[in-house]
Amino acid sequence: MAQCQEGSAEEGQEHRLRAALRHLQAESGVLERLIYKHRNQHRGAAYFQYLLKVRRDMKLLLSANLAEVINAVFPVITCHKPANTILVPNRQGKRKPGANHSHYKRLLGVARLLSQMLLDVVSVHNKVTDLTDKKQAVKISIDKVQAFREYYPSSNDPNTILECVWVKDKFVLHEKTKASSQKTQDEGLKCTPDSSIKYETIGLM
């Protein structure tokens, strides 16, 4: 009975890992589109540099071929194959040059990479959250005519701050809710002096 329960738990772990891998591949495509869309406008921003680092780690993670590692590791866990099969270095053909690491070493590398990615992703999320909670001004230029558009944070939606805490042998992700700065818009309006500039509406040709 215990073996049956243990087997069902291992099947659940394998199912969750495969589902997470599919989700990771989909999110990798979203990240690529996000970086491609904002590569020119936000190239010098600090959070964008973190995004580039996350993309680099994501490519390393996908290049480890985690699906192949899962296929090799779980038969050993369920005692269908001997444990030494995951310790033997993989054979590399002429079409796939490079280091021939075993599945065990690749699994260890994936675990280390995921822990590093978690810290970078948390840093990116918190930086973006901090930026969205501040008033921003964007300059718009059309045919030598410049205008500034101001964006104010929403005073209704609370922000989520992430924090990584090391517990025993792994990082645990904690989410904290932070109230948005509700006085930003009001303070901005109060501090704005009366302008003597007169605006005129110009019809577009």
C-alpha atoms as a PDB file:
ATOM      1  CA  MET A   1       0.000   0.000   0.000  1.00  0.00           C
ATOM      2  CA  ALA A   2       2.880   2.345   0.869  1.00  0.00           C
ATOM      3  CA  GLN A   3       4.583   1.559  -2.427  1.00  0.00           C
ATOM      4  CA  CYS A   4       1.358   2.346  -4.289  1.00  0.00           C
ATOM      5  CA  GLN A   5       1.016   5.711  -2.532  1.00  0.00           C
ATOM      6  CA  GLU A   6       4.677   6.498  -3.169  1.00  0.00           C
ATOM      7  CA  GLY A   7       4.259   5.640  -6.840  1.00  0.00           C
ATOM      8  CA  SER A   8       1.244   7.914  -7.148  1.00  0.00           C
ATOM      9  CA  ALA A   9       3.207  10.744  -5.515  1.00  0.00           C
ATOM     10  CA  GLU A  10       6.050  10.270  -7.992  1.00  0.00           C
ATOM     11  CA  GLU A  11       3.599  10.274 -10.890  1.00  0.00           C
ATOM     12  CA  GLY A  12       2.187  13.531  -9.554  1.00  0.00           C
ATOM     13  CA  GLN A  13       5.669  15.047  -9.412  1.00  0.00           C
ATOM     14  CA  GLU A  14       6.415  13.983 -12.961  1.00  0.00           C
ATOM     15  CA  HIS A  15       3.099  15.386 -14.184  1.00  0.00           C
ATOM     16  CA  ARG A  16       3.722  18.735 -12.459  1.00  0.00           C
ATOM     17  CA  LEU A  17       7.256  18.976 -13.861  1.00  0.00           C
ATOM     18  CA  ARG A  18       6.101  18.272 -17.411  1.00  0.00           C
ATOM     19  CA  ALA A  19       3.247  20.767 -17.100  1.00  0.00           C
ATOM     20  CA  ALA A  20       5.626  23.391 -15.695  1.00  0.00           C
ATOM     21  CA  LEU A  21       8.057  22.741 -18.552  1.00  0.00           C
ATOM     22  CA  ARG A  22       5.335  23.319 -21.149  1.00  0.00           C
ATOM     23  CA  HIS A  23       4.324  26.503 -19.361  1.00  0.00           C
ATOM     24  CA  LEU A  24       7.970  27.609 -19.234  1.00  0.00           C
ATOM     25  CA  GLN A  25       8.340  27.158 -22.982  1.00  0.00           C
ATOM     26  CA  ALA A  26       5.226  29.257 -23.578  1.00  0.00           C
ATOM     27  CA  GLU A  27       6.424  31.995 -21.207  1.00  0.00           C
ATOM     28  CA  SER A  28       9.804  31.996 -22.951  1.00  0.00           C
ATOM     29  CA  GLY A  29       8.053  33.016 -26.164  1.00  0.00           C
ATOM     30  CA  VAL A  30       6.231  35.809 -24.332  1.00  0.00           C
ATOM     31  CA  LEU A  31       9.534  37.048 -22.888  1.00  0.00           C
ATOM     32  CA  GLU A  32      11.144  37.087 -26.338  1.00  0.00           C
ATOM     33  CA  ARG A  33       8.298  39.195 -27.756  1.00  0.00           C
ATOM     34  CA  LEU A  34       8.454  41.557 -24.770  1.00  0.00           C
ATOM     35  CA  ILE A  35      12.187  42.150 -25.200  1.00  0.00           C
ATOM     36  CA  TYR A  36      11.861  42.563 -28.965  1.00  0.00           C
ATOM     37  CA  LYS A  37       9.082  45.127 -28.567  1.00  0.00           C
ATOM     38  CA  HIS A  38      10.905  47.303 -26.007  1.00  0.00           C
ATOM     39  CA  ARG A  39      14.527  46.753 -27.079  1.00  0.00           C
ATOM     40  CA  ASN A  40      14.972  50.296 -28.433  1.00  0.00           C
ATOM     41  CA  GLN A  41      12.972  52.375 -25.975  1.00  0.00           C
ATOM     42  CA  HIS A  42      14.115  50.735 -22.717  1.00  0.00           C
ATOM     43  CA  ARG A  43      17.552  49.383 -23.655  1.00  0.00           C
ATOM     44  CA  GLY A  44      19.338  51.497 -21.032  1.00  0.00           C
ATOM     45  CA  ALA A  45      16.881  50.851 -18.199  1.00  0.00           C
ATOM     46  CA  ALA A  46      18.078  48.771 -15.258  1.00  0.00           C
ATOM     47  CA  TYR A  47      15.080  46.443 -15.290  1.00  0.00           C
ATOM     48  CA  PHE A  48      15.572  45.782 -19.018  1.00  0.00           C
ATOM     49  CA  GLN A  49      19.130  44.621 -18.335  1.00  0.00           C
ATOM     50  CA  TYR A  50      17.704  42.183 -15.800  1.00  0.00           C
ATOM     51  CA  LEU A  51      15.260  40.979 -18.445  1.00  0.00           C
ATOM     52  CA  LEU A  52      18.165  40.274 -20.790  1.00  0.00           C
ATOM     53  CA  LYS A  53      19.844  38.276 -18.042  1.00  0.00           C
ATOM     54  CA  VAL A  54      16.663  36.290 -17.430  1.00  0.00           C
ATOM     55  CA  ARG A  55      16.404  35.587 -21.170  1.00  0.00           C
ATOM     56  CA  ARG A  56      19.983  34.331 -21.219  1.00  0.00           C
ATOM     57  CA  ASP A  57      19.288  32.005 -18.279  1.00  0.00           C
ATOM     58  CA  MET A  58      16.063  30.892 -19.934  1.00  0.00           C
ATOM     59  CA  LYS A  59      17.937  29.880 -23.066  1.00  0.00           C
ATOM     60  CA  LEU A  60      20.454  27.957 -20.960  1.00  0.00           C
ATOM     61  CA  LEU A  61      17.615  26.200 -19.161  1.00  0.00           C
ATOM     62  CA  LEU A  62      15.858  25.199 -22.373  1.00  0.00           C
ATOM     63  CA  SER A  63      19.157  24.064 -23.911  1.00  0.00           C
ATOM     64  CA  ALA A  64      19.554  21.592 -21.028  1.00  0.00           C
ATOM     65  CA  ASN A  65      16.633  19.658 -22.557  1.00  0.00           C
ATOM     66  CA  LEU A  66      14.814  19.110 -19.275  1.00  0.00           C
ATOM     67  CA  ALA A  67      12.261  16.818 -20.937  1.00  0.00           C
ATOM     68  CA  GLU A  68      15.049  14.361 -21.755  1.00  0.00           C
ATOM     69  CA  VAL A  69      16.312  14.554 -18.168  1.00  0.00           C
ATOM     70  CA  ILE A  70      12.817  13.815 -16.836  1.00  0.00           C
ATOM     71  CA  ASN A  71      12.512  10.830 -19.168  1.00  0.00           C
ATOM     72  CA  ALA A  72      15.781   9.445 -17.795  1.00  0.00           C
ATOM     73  CA  VAL A  73      15.347  10.233 -14.097  1.00  0.00           C
ATOM     74  CA  PHE A  74      11.821   9.073 -13.281  1.00  0.00           C
ATOM     75  CA  PRO A  75      12.294   5.460 -14.464  1.00  0.00           C
ATOM     76  CA  VAL A  76      15.163   5.310 -11.951  1.00  0.00           C
ATOM     77  CA  ILE A  77      13.000   6.793  -9.192  1.00  0.00           C
ATOM     78  CA  THR A  78      10.264   4.233  -9.862  1.00  0.00           C
ATOM     79  CA  CYS A  79      12.884   1.423  -9.857  1.00  0.00           C
ATOM     80  CA  HIS A  80      12.274   0.494 -13.487  1.00  0.00           C
ATOM     81  CA  LYS A  81      15.921   1.188 -14.357  1.00  0.00           C
ATOM     82  CA  PRO A  82      19.166   0.977 -12.356  1.00  0.00           C
ATOM     83  CA  ALA A  83      20.450   4.183 -10.807  1.00  0.00           C
ATOM     84  CA  ASN A  84      23.799   4.051 -12.586  1.00  0.00           C
ATOM     85  CA  THR A  85      22.086   4.815 -15.907  1.00  0.00           C
ATOM     86  CA  ILE A  86      21.746   8.493 -14.964  1.00  0.00           C
ATOM     87  CA  LEU A  87      25.394   8.697 -13.840  1.00  0.00           C
ATOM     88  CA  VAL A  88      26.847   7.614 -17.172  1.00  0.00           C
ATOM     89  CA  PRO A  89      27.861  10.547 -19.415  1.00  0.00           C
ATOM     90  CA  ASN A  90      25.698  10.923 -22.486  1.00  0.00           C
ATOM     91  CA  ARG A  91      27.122  10.095 -25.858  1.00  0.00           C
ATOM     92  CA  GLN A  92      27.598  13.074 -28.105  1.00  0.00           C
ATOM     93  CA  GLY A  93      27.495  12.590 -31.849  1.00  0.00           C
ATOM     94  CA  LYS A  94      29.290  14.582 -34.480  1.00  0.00           C
ATOM     95  CA  ARG A  95      26.209  16.749 -35.011  1.00  0.00           C
ATOM     96  CA  LYS A  96      26.017  17.672 -31.296  1.00  0.00           C
ATOM     97  CA  PRO A  97      29.488  18.677 -30.138  1.00  0.00           C
ATOM     98  CA  GLY A  98      30.090  19.805 -26.580  1.00  0.00           C
ATOM     99  CA  ALA A  99      30.505  18.465 -23.073  1.00  0.00           C
ATOM    100  CA  ASN A 100      28.870  15.095 -22.472  1.00  0.00           C
ATOM    101  CA  HIS A 101      27.368  15.490 -19.007  1.00  0.00           C
ATOM    102  CA  SER A 102      25.295  12.791 -17.357  1.00  0.00           C
ATOM    103  CA  HIS A 103      21.589  13.242 -16.691  1.00  0.00           C
ATOM    104  CA  TYR A 104      22.383  13.595 -12.989  1.00  0.00           C
ATOM    105  CA  LYS A 105      24.803  16.485 -13.621  1.00  0.00           C
ATOM    106  CA  ARG A 106      22.322  18.128 -15.961  1.00  0.00           C
ATOM    107  CA  LEU A 107      19.580  17.874 -13.330  1.00  0.00           C
ATOM    108  CA  LEU A 108      21.883  19.483 -10.757  1.00  0.00           C
ATOM    109  CA  GLY A 109      22.730  22.277 -13.186  1.00  0.00           C
ATOM    110  CA  VAL A 110      19.038  22.906 -13.870  1.00  0.00           C
ATOM    111  CA  ALA A 111      18.343  23.179 -10.128  1.00  0.00           C
ATOM    112  CA  ARG A 112      21.163  25.703  -9.655  1.00  0.00           C
ATOM    113  CA  LEU A 113      20.077  27.721 -12.670  1.00  0.00           C
ATOM    114  CA  LEU A 114      16.469  27.849 -11.495  1.00  0.00           C
ATOM    115  CA  SER A 115      17.542  29.220  -8.111  1.00  0.00           C
ATOM    116  CA  GLN A 116      19.522  31.987  -9.845  1.00  0.00           C
ATOM    117  CA  MET A 117      16.660  32.763 -12.219  1.00  0.00           C
ATOM    118  CA  LEU A 118      14.242  33.055  -9.311  1.00  0.00           C
ATOM    119  CA  LEU A 119      16.305  35.823  -7.725  1.00  0.00           C
ATOM    120  CA  ASP A 120      16.591  37.717 -11.025  1.00  0.00           C
ATOM    121  CA  VAL A 121      12.889  37.344 -11.832  1.00  0.00           C
ATOM    122  CA  VAL A 122      11.946  38.603  -8.368  1.00  0.00           C
ATOM    123  CA  SER A 123      14.264  41.601  -8.806  1.00  0.00           C
ATOM    124  CA  VAL A 124      12.735  42.409 -12.216  1.00  0.00           C
ATOM    125  CA  HIS A 125       9.195  42.137 -10.859  1.00  0.00           C
ATOM    126  CA  ASN A 126       9.891  44.433  -7.910  1.00  0.00           C
ATOM    127  CA  LYS A 127      11.624  47.044 -10.091  1.00  0.00           C
ATOM    128  CA  VAL A 128       8.729  47.092 -12.563  1.00  0.00           C
ATOM    129  CA  THR A 129       6.235  47.286  -9.698  1.00  0.00           C
ATOM    130  CA  ASP A 130       8.096  50.266  -8.269  1.00  0.00           C
ATOM    131  CA  LEU A 131       8.084  52.018 -11.656  1.00  0.00           C
ATOM    132  CA  THR A 132       4.368  51.472 -12.221  1.00  0.00           C
ATOM    133  CA  ASP A 133       3.651  53.041  -8.825  1.00  0.00           C
ATOM    134  CA  LYS A 134       5.214  56.369  -9.820  1.00  0.00           C
ATOM    135  CA  LYS A 135       4.059  59.189 -12.044  1.00  0.00           C
ATOM    136  CA  GLN A 136       5.705  59.032 -15.446  1.00  0.00           C
ATOM    137  CA  ALA A 137       5.985  61.520 -18.295  1.00  0.00           C
ATOM    138  CA  VAL A 138       6.461  60.379 -21.892  1.00  0.00           C
ATOM    139  CA  LYS A 139       7.616  62.725 -24.644  1.00  0.00           C
ATOM    140  CA  ILE A 140       5.773  62.374 -27.950  1.00  0.00           C
ATOM    141  CA  SER A 141       7.235  63.938 -31.105  1.00  0.00           C
ATOM    142  CA  ILE A 142       5.218  64.245 -34.323  1.00  0.00           C
ATOM    143  CA  ASP A 143       6.517  66.381 -37.200  1.00  0.00           C
ATOM    144  CA  LYS A 144       8.696  68.617 -34.988  1.00  0.00           C
ATOM    145  CA  VAL A 145       5.818  69.083 -32.556  1.00  0.00           C
ATOM    146  CA  GLN A 146       6.600  67.790 -29.071  1.00  0.00           C
ATOM    147  CA  ALA A 147       4.143  66.968 -26.354  1.00  0.00           C
ATOM    148  CA  PHE A 148       4.341  65.338 -22.955  1.00  0.00           C
ATOM    149  CA  ARG A 149       1.861  62.807 -21.702  1.00  0.00           C
ATOM    150  CA  GLU A 150       1.706  61.981 -18.015  1.00  0.00           C
ATOM    151  CA  TYR A 151       0.726  58.617 -16.578  1.00  0.00           C
ATOM    152  CA  TYR A 152      -0.512  58.290 -13.024  1.00  0.00           C
ATOM    153  CA  PRO A 153      -0.619  55.049 -11.033  1.00  0.00           C
ATOM    154  CA  SER A 154      -3.955  53.530 -10.194  1.00  0.00           C
ATOM    155  CA  SER A 155      -5.018  54.308  -6.643  1.00  0.00           C
ATOM    156  CA  ASN A 156      -7.343  51.322  -6.403  1.00  0.00           C
ATOM    157  CA  ASP A 157      -5.191  48.333  -7.334  1.00  0.00           C
ATOM    158  CA  PRO A 158      -2.691  47.176  -4.672  1.00  0.00           C
ATOM    159  CA  ASN A 159       0.787  46.155  -5.791  1.00  0.00           C
ATOM    160  CA  THR A 160       2.351  42.749  -5.178  1.00  0.00           C
ATOM    161  CA  ILE A 161       5.944  42.665  -3.906  1.00  0.00           C
ATOM    162  CA  LEU A 162       7.886  39.390  -4.124  1.00  0.00           C
ATOM    163  CA  GLU A 163      10.488  38.193  -1.638  1.00  0.00           C
ATOM    164  CA  CYS A 164      12.746  35.121  -1.724  1.00  0.00           C
ATOM    165  CA  VAL A 165      13.425  33.418   1.609  1.00  0.00           C
ATOM    166  CA  TRP A 166      15.865  30.518   1.960  1.00  0.00           C
ATOM    167  CA  VAL A 167      14.195  27.748   3.987  1.00  0.00           C
ATOM    168  CA  LYS A 168      16.241  24.597   4.717  1.00  0.00           C
ATOM    169  CA  ASP A 169      17.386  23.627   1.225  1.00  0.00           C
ATOM    170  CA  LYS A 170      15.368  25.777  -1.163  1.00  0.00           C
ATOM    171  CA  PHE A 171      14.053  29.254  -1.891  1.00  0.00           C
ATOM    172  CA  VAL A 172      10.466  29.955  -0.879  1.00  0.00           C
ATOM    173  CA  LEU A 173       8.618  32.723  -2.707  1.00  0.00           C
ATOM    174  CA  HIS A 174       6.555  35.072  -0.540  1.00  0.00           C
ATOM    175  CA  GLU A 175       4.047  37.582  -1.913  1.00  0.00           C
ATOM    176  CA  LYS A 176       3.322  40.789  -0.057  1.00  0.00           C
ATOM    177  CA  THR A 177       0.594  43.275  -0.901  1.00  0.00           C
ATOM    178  CA  LYS A 178       1.591  46.926  -0.931  1.00  0.00           C
ATOM    179  CA  ALA A 179      -0.905  49.762  -1.093  1.00  0.00           C
ATOM    180  CA  SER A 180      -0.485  51.990  -4.120  1.00  0.00           C
ATOM    181  CA  SER A 181       0.533  55.624  -3.683  1.00  0.00           C
ATOM    182  CA  GLN A 182      -2.888  57.260  -3.763  1.00  0.00           C
ATOM    183  CA  LYS A 183      -1.643  60.822  -3.223  1.00  0.00           C
ATOM    184  CA  THR A 184       0.637  60.929  -6.255  1.00  0.00           C
ATOM    185  CA  GLN A 185      -1.889  62.429  -8.620  1.00  0.00           C
ATOM    186  CA  ASP A 186      -3.261  64.906  -6.095  1.00  0.00           C
ATOM    187  CA  GLU A 187       0.221  66.086  -5.080  1.00  0.00           C
ATOM    188  CA  GLY A 188       1.196  66.455  -8.717  1.00  0.00           C
ATOM    189  CA  LEU A 189      -1.811  68.652  -9.392  1.00  0.00           C
ATOM    190  CA  LYS A 190      -1.239  70.779  -6.277  1.00  0.00           C
ATOM    191  CA  CYS A 191       2.434  71.378  -7.050  1.00  0.00           C
ATOM    192  CA  THR A 192       1.788  72.376 -10.651  1.00  0.00           C
ATOM    193  CA  PRO A 193       1.946  76.179 -10.985  1.00  0.00           C
ATOM    194  CA  ASP A 194      -0.521  78.104 -13.067  1.00  0.00           C
ATOM    195  CA  SER A 195       0.815  78.276 -16.597  1.00  0.00           C
ATOM    196  CA  SER A 196       0.555  81.347 -18.827  1.00  0.00           C
ATOM    197  CA  ILE A 197       0.870  79.252 -21.960  1.00  0.00           C
ATOM    198  CA  LYS A 198      -2.158  79.407 -24.212  1.00  0.00           C
ATOM    199  CA  TYR A 199      -2.916  76.286 -26.209  1.00  0.00           C
ATOM    200  CA  GLU A 200      -4.437  76.261 -29.643  1.00  0.00           C
ATOM    201  CA  THR A 201      -6.051  73.313 -31.369  1.00  0.00           C
ATOM    202  CA  ILE A 202      -4.462  72.512 -34.715  1.00  0.00           C
ATOM    203  CA  GLY A 203      -6.319  70.402 -37.208  1.00  0.00           C
ATOM    204  CA  LEU A 204      -4.429  67.443 -38.623  1.00  0.00           C
ATOM    205  CA  MET A 205      -3.775  67.514 -42.360  1.00  0.00           C
END
